[in-house]
Amino acid sequence: MSSDDVTTQSSTSSTRNYRIYTKTGDKGTSSLYNGQRRSKGDLFFEALGDVDELNGFIGLCREYLKTSLHGTPEKNTLEAQLEEIQSRLLDVGSAIATPKSSSSPEQLARAQFAAGPNTSQLEGWIDEFDTALPPLRNFILPSGGLASSQLHVARSVCRRAERRAFELVNAGDLDESTAIYLNRLSDYLFMAARMACKLTNGTETVYKKREVVTEE
């Protein structure tokens, strides 16, 4: 979230209110967490937008799970993992919005993303899915029910966010470990889609290569 999103509204009451519209972005610029203003078309905001979009799709996945799996332990586990990931994506956004090349040590410390432990957590969940799921012997199409298909959408958005993040890494403005987290998250979302398919008794659609018929 940038400074254009929410600002404090002055009030004579003891209640602190927040204004949704600020008008500070009407000229086509917005602020990063370090206070630097940049064009809204800047790579930083492209990356932030991708991460925000990913978070929104994961939220939709959670709602589909609530509808499909009425309080089962497996659903609760998967939904809890997705909720945890949504919070961590806000942390990723903070790291992206604090460029290494133009932020103070104090700002960088405040926005630092604990990529190592969070990536290890994803890998643990992926390993658990791998044990519970049947081996994958063919390419599959995004399918398997509403929750599963939506997780496949989230996976593809995650790949885009990862590509943006690595551009920032290459520019020296983001720790590589943060981009690696997004890489691992896309793997997790693929496995989570398969798990959602299994839990909702869905069917994975296998990719079928069209046979080429040659005319004689």
Foldseek 3Di string as FASTA:
>chain_A
DFPQQWDWDDDPDPDTDIDRGDCPCVVQWTAFPQGDIDGCPDLLVVLLVLLVVLLVLLVVLLVQLCVQPVPDPVSVVLSVVSVVVSVLSVLLNNLSSAFPVPHDPVSNVVSPRPLVVLLVVLVVLLVVLVVVADDDDADFDQWQDDSLNSLLVSLVSLVVSLVSQVVSVVVRGGDVSSSVSSVSVSSSSNSSSRVSSVVSVTDTHGDDDDDDDDDD
